[in-house]
Amino acid sequence: MISKEQRIEAMKGVLASLFASQRTLKSLAPQFKWAGLGNLLGDYGEFIATEIYGLTPAPRGANGFDATAPDGKTELAPVV
């Protein structure tokens, strides 16, 4: 079975490849934004939060927070 560290490194590589592809698309056709990876980056952030920091994901549709810390405190989602 793949270790937690190996999964994280593999995910980093996939994301780096996606962003490199996005930069290439922008250079080939700059008239387009080539933005929008859905919630890919946010999902990655939540994955890291749960795997590395031990947070528990909030239930789907939870309003105002993404996860709960082991001490029961909620982690607020950033507003962009």
PDB file of N, CA and C in Angstrom:
ATOM      1  N   MET A   1       0.844  -1.185   0.000  1.00  0.00           N
ATOM      2  CA  MET A   1       0.000   0.000   0.000  1.00  0.00           C
ATOM      3  C   MET A   1       0.889   1.248   0.000  1.00  0.00           C
ATOM      4  N   ILE A   2       0.430   2.276  -0.633  1.00  0.00           N
ATOM      5  CA  ILE A   2       1.170   3.536  -0.736  1.00  0.00           C
ATOM      6  C   ILE A   2       1.059   4.308   0.588  1.00  0.00           C
ATOM      7  N   SER A   3       2.170   4.889   1.020  1.00  0.00           N
ATOM      8  CA  SER A   3       2.180   5.634   2.279  1.00  0.00           C
ATOM      9  C   SER A   3       1.541   7.014   2.099  1.00  0.00           C
ATOM     10  N   LYS A   4       1.223   7.631   3.234  1.00  0.00           N
ATOM     11  CA  LYS A   4       0.654   8.982   3.218  1.00  0.00           C
ATOM     12  C   LYS A   4       1.600   9.953   2.522  1.00  0.00           C
ATOM     13  N   GLU A   5       2.886   9.854   2.843  1.00  0.00           N
ATOM     14  CA  GLU A   5       3.872  10.752   2.248  1.00  0.00           C
ATOM     15  C   GLU A   5       3.963  10.549   0.739  1.00  0.00           C
ATOM     16  N   GLN A   6       3.908   9.291   0.292  1.00  0.00           N
ATOM     17  CA  GLN A   6       3.956   9.005  -1.143  1.00  0.00           C
ATOM     18  C   GLN A   6       2.720   9.553  -1.850  1.00  0.00           C
ATOM     19  N   ARG A   7       1.548   9.429  -1.220  1.00  0.00           N
ATOM     20  CA  ARG A   7       0.321   9.983  -1.821  1.00  0.00           C
ATOM     21  C   ARG A   7       0.426  11.487  -1.969  1.00  0.00           C
ATOM     22  N   ILE A   8       0.920  12.152  -0.935  1.00  0.00           N
ATOM     23  CA  ILE A   8       1.042  13.611  -0.982  1.00  0.00           C
ATOM     24  C   ILE A   8       2.021  14.025  -2.073  1.00  0.00           C
ATOM     25  N   GLU A   9       3.163  13.362  -2.162  1.00  0.00           N
ATOM     26  CA  GLU A   9       4.139  13.688  -3.204  1.00  0.00           C
ATOM     27  C   GLU A   9       3.569  13.438  -4.595  1.00  0.00           C
ATOM     28  N   ALA A  10       2.820  12.352  -4.763  1.00  0.00           N
ATOM     29  CA  ALA A  10       2.199  12.063  -6.060  1.00  0.00           C
ATOM     30  C   ALA A  10       1.192  13.148  -6.425  1.00  0.00           C
ATOM     31  N   MET A  11       0.400  13.588  -5.455  1.00  0.00           N
ATOM     32  CA  MET A  11      -0.582  14.644  -5.714  1.00  0.00           C
ATOM     33  C   MET A  11       0.107  15.952  -6.074  1.00  0.00           C
ATOM     34  N   LYS A  12       1.204  16.266  -5.395  1.00  0.00           N
ATOM     35  CA  LYS A  12       1.967  17.475  -5.735  1.00  0.00           C
ATOM     36  C   LYS A  12       2.411  17.425  -7.191  1.00  0.00           C
ATOM     37  N   GLY A  13       2.890  16.268  -7.628  1.00  0.00           N
ATOM     38  CA  GLY A  13       3.337  16.112  -9.009  1.00  0.00           C
ATOM     39  C   GLY A  13       2.218  16.296 -10.008  1.00  0.00           C
ATOM     40  N   VAL A  14       1.062  15.732  -9.711  1.00  0.00           N
ATOM     41  CA  VAL A  14      -0.089  15.866 -10.610  1.00  0.00           C
ATOM     42  C   VAL A  14      -0.507  17.327 -10.706  1.00  0.00           C
ATOM     43  N   LEU A  15      -0.594  18.011  -9.557  1.00  0.00           N
ATOM     44  CA  LEU A  15      -0.981  19.426  -9.575  1.00  0.00           C
ATOM     45  C   LEU A  15       0.047  20.274 -10.320  1.00  0.00           C
ATOM     46  N   ALA A  16       1.324  20.009 -10.113  1.00  0.00           N
ATOM     47  CA  ALA A  16       2.366  20.755 -10.831  1.00  0.00           C
ATOM     48  C   ALA A  16       2.222  20.557 -12.332  1.00  0.00           C
ATOM     49  N   SER A  17       1.919  19.348 -12.745  1.00  0.00           N
ATOM     50  CA  SER A  17       1.721  19.052 -14.166  1.00  0.00           C
ATOM     51  C   SER A  17       0.512  19.801 -14.721  1.00  0.00           C
ATOM     52  N   LEU A  18      -0.566  19.832 -13.946  1.00  0.00           N
ATOM     53  CA  LEU A  18      -1.761  20.556 -14.390  1.00  0.00           C
ATOM     54  C   LEU A  18      -1.474  22.043 -14.573  1.00  0.00           C
ATOM     55  N   PHE A  19      -0.776  22.635 -13.612  1.00  0.00           N
ATOM     56  CA  PHE A  19      -0.482  24.061 -13.711  1.00  0.00           C
ATOM     57  C   PHE A  19       0.512  24.352 -14.828  1.00  0.00           C
ATOM     58  N   ALA A  20       1.453  23.450 -15.066  1.00  0.00           N
ATOM     59  CA  ALA A  20       2.378  23.618 -16.190  1.00  0.00           C
ATOM     60  C   ALA A  20       1.612  23.564 -17.505  1.00  0.00           C
ATOM     61  N   SER A  21       0.663  22.649 -17.600  1.00  0.00           N
ATOM     62  CA  SER A  21      -0.167  22.560 -18.810  1.00  0.00           C
ATOM     63  C   SER A  21      -0.988  23.828 -18.992  1.00  0.00           C
ATOM     64  N   GLN A  22      -1.503  24.357 -17.891  1.00  0.00           N
ATOM     65  CA  GLN A  22      -2.285  25.589 -17.957  1.00  0.00           C
ATOM     66  C   GLN A  22      -1.414  26.748 -18.455  1.00  0.00           C
ATOM     67  N   ARG A  23      -0.192  26.852 -17.975  1.00  0.00           N
ATOM     68  CA  ARG A  23       0.719  27.909 -18.436  1.00  0.00           C
ATOM     69  C   ARG A  23       1.018  27.754 -19.927  1.00  0.00           C
ATOM     70  N   THR A  24       1.205  26.523 -20.373  1.00  0.00           N
ATOM     71  CA  THR A  24       1.473  26.278 -21.796  1.00  0.00           C
ATOM     72  C   THR A  24       0.284  26.693 -22.644  1.00  0.00           C
ATOM     73  N   LEU A  25      -0.910  26.337 -22.208  1.00  0.00           N
ATOM     74  CA  LEU A  25      -2.114  26.738 -22.945  1.00  0.00           C
ATOM     75  C   LEU A  25      -2.210  28.261 -23.032  1.00  0.00           C
ATOM     76  N   LYS A  26      -1.895  28.949 -21.937  1.00  0.00           N
ATOM     77  CA  LYS A  26      -1.940  30.416 -21.935  1.00  0.00           C
ATOM     78  C   LYS A  26      -0.933  31.003 -22.914  1.00  0.00           C
ATOM     79  N   SER A  27       0.235  30.382 -23.030  1.00  0.00           N
ATOM     80  CA  SER A  27       1.231  30.908 -23.965  1.00  0.00           C
ATOM     81  C   SER A  27       0.850  30.607 -25.414  1.00  0.00           C
ATOM     82  N   LEU A  28       0.183  29.498 -25.650  1.00  0.00           N
ATOM     83  CA  LEU A  28      -0.222  29.129 -27.010  1.00  0.00           C
ATOM     84  C   LEU A  28      -1.441  29.907 -27.496  1.00  0.00           C
ATOM     85  N   ALA A  29      -2.325  30.236 -26.586  1.00  0.00           N
ATOM     86  CA  ALA A  29      -3.547  30.960 -26.957  1.00  0.00           C
ATOM     87  C   ALA A  29      -3.880  31.956 -25.849  1.00  0.00           C
ATOM     88  N   PRO A  30      -3.120  33.063 -25.776  1.00  0.00           N
ATOM     89  CA  PRO A  30      -3.288  34.011 -24.684  1.00  0.00           C
ATOM     90  C   PRO A  30      -4.622  34.755 -24.681  1.00  0.00           C
ATOM     91  N   GLN A  31      -5.361  34.649 -25.761  1.00  0.00           N
ATOM     92  CA  GLN A  31      -6.656  35.327 -25.799  1.00  0.00           C
ATOM     93  C   GLN A  31      -7.684  34.647 -24.888  1.00  0.00           C
ATOM     94  N   PHE A  32      -7.368  33.451 -24.427  1.00  0.00           N
ATOM     95  CA  PHE A  32      -8.249  32.741 -23.508  1.00  0.00           C
ATOM     96  C   PHE A  32      -7.642  32.762 -22.111  1.00  0.00           C
ATOM     97  N   LYS A  33      -8.484  32.693 -21.105  1.00  0.00           N
ATOM     98  CA  LYS A  33      -7.995  32.745 -19.723  1.00  0.00           C
ATOM     99  C   LYS A  33      -7.337  31.436 -19.289  1.00  0.00           C
ATOM    100  N   TRP A  34      -7.824  30.327 -19.784  1.00  0.00           N
ATOM    101  CA  TRP A  34      -7.331  29.013 -19.381  1.00  0.00           C
ATOM    102  C   TRP A  34      -7.316  28.875 -17.865  1.00  0.00           C
ATOM    103  N   ALA A  35      -8.305  29.444 -17.246  1.00  0.00           N
ATOM    104  CA  ALA A  35      -8.426  29.374 -15.791  1.00  0.00           C
ATOM    105  C   ALA A  35      -9.540  28.402 -15.440  1.00  0.00           C
ATOM    106  N   GLY A  36      -9.575  28.072 -14.231  1.00  0.00           N
ATOM    107  CA  GLY A  36     -10.670  27.252 -13.745  1.00  0.00           C
ATOM    108  C   GLY A  36     -10.338  25.780 -13.724  1.00  0.00           C
ATOM    109  N   LEU A  37      -9.994  25.332 -12.587  1.00  0.00           N
ATOM    110  CA  LEU A  37      -9.782  23.907 -12.390  1.00  0.00           C
ATOM    111  C   LEU A  37     -10.850  23.385 -11.444  1.00  0.00           C
ATOM    112  N   GLY A  38     -11.999  24.036 -11.487  1.00  0.00           N
ATOM    113  CA  GLY A  38     -13.050  23.625 -10.568  1.00  0.00           C
ATOM    114  C   GLY A  38     -12.594  23.885  -9.146  1.00  0.00           C
ATOM    115  N   ASN A  39     -12.817  22.950  -8.322  1.00  0.00           N
ATOM    116  CA  ASN A  39     -12.422  23.098  -6.928  1.00  0.00           C
ATOM    117  C   ASN A  39     -11.178  22.268  -6.621  1.00  0.00           C
ATOM    118  N   LEU A  40     -10.389  22.007  -7.640  1.00  0.00           N
ATOM    119  CA  LEU A  40      -9.232  21.134  -7.493  1.00  0.00           C
ATOM    120  C   LEU A  40      -8.270  21.604  -6.405  1.00  0.00           C
ATOM    121  N   LEU A  41      -7.911  22.862  -6.427  1.00  0.00           N
ATOM    122  CA  LEU A  41      -6.956  23.372  -5.451  1.00  0.00           C
ATOM    123  C   LEU A  41      -7.551  23.380  -4.043  1.00  0.00           C
ATOM    124  N   GLY A  42      -8.821  23.737  -3.946  1.00  0.00           N
ATOM    125  CA  GLY A  42      -9.492  23.700  -2.643  1.00  0.00           C
ATOM    126  C   GLY A  42      -9.574  22.290  -2.083  1.00  0.00           C
ATOM    127  N   ASP A  43      -9.874  21.326  -2.952  1.00  0.00           N
ATOM    128  CA  ASP A  43      -9.913  19.929  -2.522  1.00  0.00           C
ATOM    129  C   ASP A  43      -8.546  19.481  -2.029  1.00  0.00           C
ATOM    130  N   TYR A  44      -7.500  19.901  -2.739  1.00  0.00           N
ATOM    131  CA  TYR A  44      -6.143  19.542  -2.323  1.00  0.00           C
ATOM    132  C   TYR A  44      -5.840  20.138  -0.944  1.00  0.00           C
ATOM    133  N   GLY A  45      -6.230  21.385  -0.748  1.00  0.00           N
ATOM    134  CA  GLY A  45      -6.024  22.025   0.551  1.00  0.00           C
ATOM    135  C   GLY A  45      -6.735  21.288   1.671  1.00  0.00           C
ATOM    136  N   GLU A  46      -7.963  20.854   1.398  1.00  0.00           N
ATOM    137  CA  GLU A  46      -8.706  20.107   2.411  1.00  0.00           C
ATOM    138  C   GLU A  46      -8.074  18.740   2.656  1.00  0.00           C
ATOM    139  N   PHE A  47      -7.563  18.105   1.594  1.00  0.00           N
ATOM    140  CA  PHE A  47      -6.871  16.830   1.755  1.00  0.00           C
ATOM    141  C   PHE A  47      -5.676  16.997   2.688  1.00  0.00           C
ATOM    142  N   ILE A  48      -4.861  18.037   2.450  1.00  0.00           N
ATOM    143  CA  ILE A  48      -3.693  18.288   3.289  1.00  0.00           C
ATOM    144  C   ILE A  48      -4.128  18.573   4.727  1.00  0.00           C
ATOM    145  N   ALA A  49      -5.188  19.356   4.894  1.00  0.00           N
ATOM    146  CA  ALA A  49      -5.670  19.683   6.239  1.00  0.00           C
ATOM    147  C   ALA A  49      -6.076  18.434   7.010  1.00  0.00           C
ATOM    148  N   THR A  50      -6.730  17.506   6.337  1.00  0.00           N
ATOM    149  CA  THR A  50      -7.163  16.293   7.031  1.00  0.00           C
ATOM    150  C   THR A  50      -6.011  15.321   7.250  1.00  0.00           C
ATOM    151  N   GLU A  51      -5.149  15.171   6.247  1.00  0.00           N
ATOM    152  CA  GLU A  51      -4.054  14.205   6.350  1.00  0.00           C
ATOM    153  C   GLU A  51      -2.929  14.677   7.261  1.00  0.00           C
ATOM    154  N   ILE A  52      -2.552  15.933   7.151  1.00  0.00           N
ATOM    155  CA  ILE A  52      -1.396  16.440   7.892  1.00  0.00           C
ATOM    156  C   ILE A  52      -1.786  16.993   9.260  1.00  0.00           C
ATOM    157  N   TYR A  53      -2.892  17.744   9.304  1.00  0.00           N
ATOM    158  CA  TYR A  53      -3.261  18.416  10.542  1.00  0.00           C
ATOM    159  C   TYR A  53      -4.344  17.698  11.332  1.00  0.00           C
ATOM    160  N   GLY A  54      -4.825  16.578  10.823  1.00  0.00           N
ATOM    161  CA  GLY A  54      -5.785  15.769  11.571  1.00  0.00           C
ATOM    162  C   GLY A  54      -7.172  16.366  11.702  1.00  0.00           C
ATOM    163  N   LEU A  55      -7.532  17.276  10.801  1.00  0.00           N
ATOM    164  CA  LEU A  55      -8.872  17.854  10.849  1.00  0.00           C
ATOM    165  C   LEU A  55      -9.893  16.854  10.313  1.00  0.00           C
ATOM    166  N   THR A  56     -11.116  16.970  10.796  1.00  0.00           N
ATOM    167  CA  THR A  56     -12.216  16.142  10.312  1.00  0.00           C
ATOM    168  C   THR A  56     -13.046  16.986   9.358  1.00  0.00           C
ATOM    169  N   PRO A  57     -13.249  16.525   8.118  1.00  0.00           N
ATOM    170  CA  PRO A  57     -14.032  17.319   7.164  1.00  0.00           C
ATOM    171  C   PRO A  57     -15.440  17.600   7.688  1.00  0.00           C
ATOM    172  N   ALA A  58     -15.921  18.799   7.400  1.00  0.00           N
ATOM    173  CA  ALA A  58     -17.292  19.156   7.763  1.00  0.00           C
ATOM    174  C   ALA A  58     -18.257  18.351   6.899  1.00  0.00           C
ATOM    175  N   PRO A  59     -19.476  18.156   7.385  1.00  0.00           N
ATOM    176  CA  PRO A  59     -20.469  17.475   6.548  1.00  0.00           C
ATOM    177  C   PRO A  59     -20.732  18.285   5.280  1.00  0.00           C
ATOM    178  N   ARG A  60     -21.070  17.606   4.208  1.00  0.00           N
ATOM    179  CA  ARG A  60     -21.403  18.308   2.955  1.00  0.00           C
ATOM    180  C   ARG A  60     -22.486  19.343   3.225  1.00  0.00           C
ATOM    181  N   GLY A  61     -22.281  20.531   2.673  1.00  0.00           N
ATOM    182  CA  GLY A  61     -23.273  21.595   2.823  1.00  0.00           C
ATOM    183  C   GLY A  61     -23.146  22.378   4.118  1.00  0.00           C
ATOM    184  N   ALA A  62     -22.131  22.080   4.930  1.00  0.00           N
ATOM    185  CA  ALA A  62     -21.943  22.834   6.170  1.00  0.00           C
ATOM    186  C   ALA A  62     -21.689  24.293   5.812  1.00  0.00           C
ATOM    187  N   ASN A  63     -22.278  25.179   6.573  1.00  0.00           N
ATOM    188  CA  ASN A  63     -22.192  26.602   6.267  1.00  0.00           C
ATOM    189  C   ASN A  63     -21.130  27.274   7.133  1.00  0.00           C
ATOM    190  N   GLY A  64     -20.115  27.867   6.491  1.00  0.00           N
ATOM    191  CA  GLY A  64     -19.147  28.687   7.198  1.00  0.00           C
ATOM    192  C   GLY A  64     -17.888  28.001   7.672  1.00  0.00           C
ATOM    193  N   PHE A  65     -17.771  26.688   7.502  1.00  0.00           N
ATOM    194  CA  PHE A  65     -16.529  26.025   7.893  1.00  0.00           C
ATOM    195  C   PHE A  65     -16.319  24.775   7.055  1.00  0.00           C
ATOM    196  N   ASP A  66     -15.048  24.393   6.938  1.00  0.00           N
ATOM    197  CA  ASP A  66     -14.678  23.235   6.123  1.00  0.00           C
ATOM    198  C   ASP A  66     -14.314  22.017   6.946  1.00  0.00           C
ATOM    199  N   ALA A  67     -13.883  22.247   8.197  1.00  0.00           N
ATOM    200  CA  ALA A  67     -13.391  21.124   8.985  1.00  0.00           C
ATOM    201  C   ALA A  67     -13.446  21.453  10.469  1.00  0.00           C
ATOM    202  N   THR A  68     -13.297  20.392  11.268  1.00  0.00           N
ATOM    203  CA  THR A  68     -13.252  20.533  12.715  1.00  0.00           C
ATOM    204  C   THR A  68     -11.914  19.999  13.208  1.00  0.00           C
ATOM    205  N   ALA A  69     -11.272  20.755  14.085  1.00  0.00           N
ATOM    206  CA  ALA A  69      -9.989  20.349  14.652  1.00  0.00           C
ATOM    207  C   ALA A  69     -10.220  19.279  15.718  1.00  0.00           C
ATOM    208  N   PRO A  70      -9.174  18.529  16.068  1.00  0.00           N
ATOM    209  CA  PRO A  70      -9.320  17.496  17.089  1.00  0.00           C
ATOM    210  C   PRO A  70      -9.856  18.018  18.422  1.00  0.00           C
ATOM    211  N   ASP A  71      -9.613  19.298  18.734  1.00  0.00           N
ATOM    212  CA  ASP A  71     -10.122  19.868  19.986  1.00  0.00           C
ATOM    213  C   ASP A  71     -11.559  20.357  19.867  1.00  0.00           C
ATOM    214  N   GLY A  72     -12.187  20.132  18.695  1.00  0.00           N
ATOM    215  CA  GLY A  72     -13.589  20.493  18.496  1.00  0.00           C
ATOM    216  C   GLY A  72     -13.813  21.859  17.893  1.00  0.00           C
ATOM    217  N   LYS A  73     -12.758  22.644  17.729  1.00  0.00           N
ATOM    218  CA  LYS A  73     -12.905  23.970  17.122  1.00  0.00           C
ATOM    219  C   LYS A  73     -13.111  23.830  15.623  1.00  0.00           C
ATOM    220  N   THR A  74     -13.919  24.706  15.069  1.00  0.00           N
ATOM    221  CA  THR A  74     -14.140  24.678  13.624  1.00  0.00           C
ATOM    222  C   THR A  74     -13.126  25.561  12.930  1.00  0.00           C
ATOM    223  N   GLU A  75     -12.783  25.156  11.712  1.00  0.00           N
ATOM    224  CA  GLU A  75     -11.852  25.910  10.889  1.00  0.00           C
ATOM    225  C   GLU A  75     -12.662  26.634   9.823  1.00  0.00           C
ATOM    226  N   LEU A  76     -12.638  27.951   9.849  1.00  0.00           N
ATOM    227  CA  LEU A  76     -13.418  28.750   8.910  1.00  0.00           C
ATOM    228  C   LEU A  76     -12.807  28.722   7.523  1.00  0.00           C
ATOM    229  N   ALA A  77     -13.671  28.680   6.537  1.00  0.00           N
ATOM    230  CA  ALA A  77     -13.225  28.736   5.146  1.00  0.00           C
ATOM    231  C   ALA A  77     -12.866  30.177   4.813  1.00  0.00           C
ATOM    232  N   PRO A  78     -11.780  30.399   4.085  1.00  0.00           N
ATOM    233  CA  PRO A  78     -11.437  31.768   3.692  1.00  0.00           C
ATOM    234  C   PRO A  78     -12.440  32.307   2.678  1.00  0.00           C
ATOM    235  N   VAL A  79     -12.726  33.569   2.789  1.00  0.00           N
ATOM    236  CA  VAL A  79     -13.623  34.226   1.838  1.00  0.00           C
ATOM    237  C   VAL A  79     -12.765  34.974   0.844  1.00  0.00           C
ATOM    238  N   VAL A  80     -12.916  34.648  -0.426  1.00  0.00           N
ATOM    239  CA  VAL A  80     -12.103  35.280  -1.464  1.00  0.00           C
ATOM    240  C   VAL A  80     -12.975  36.169  -2.304  1.00  0.00           C
TER     241      VAL A  80
END
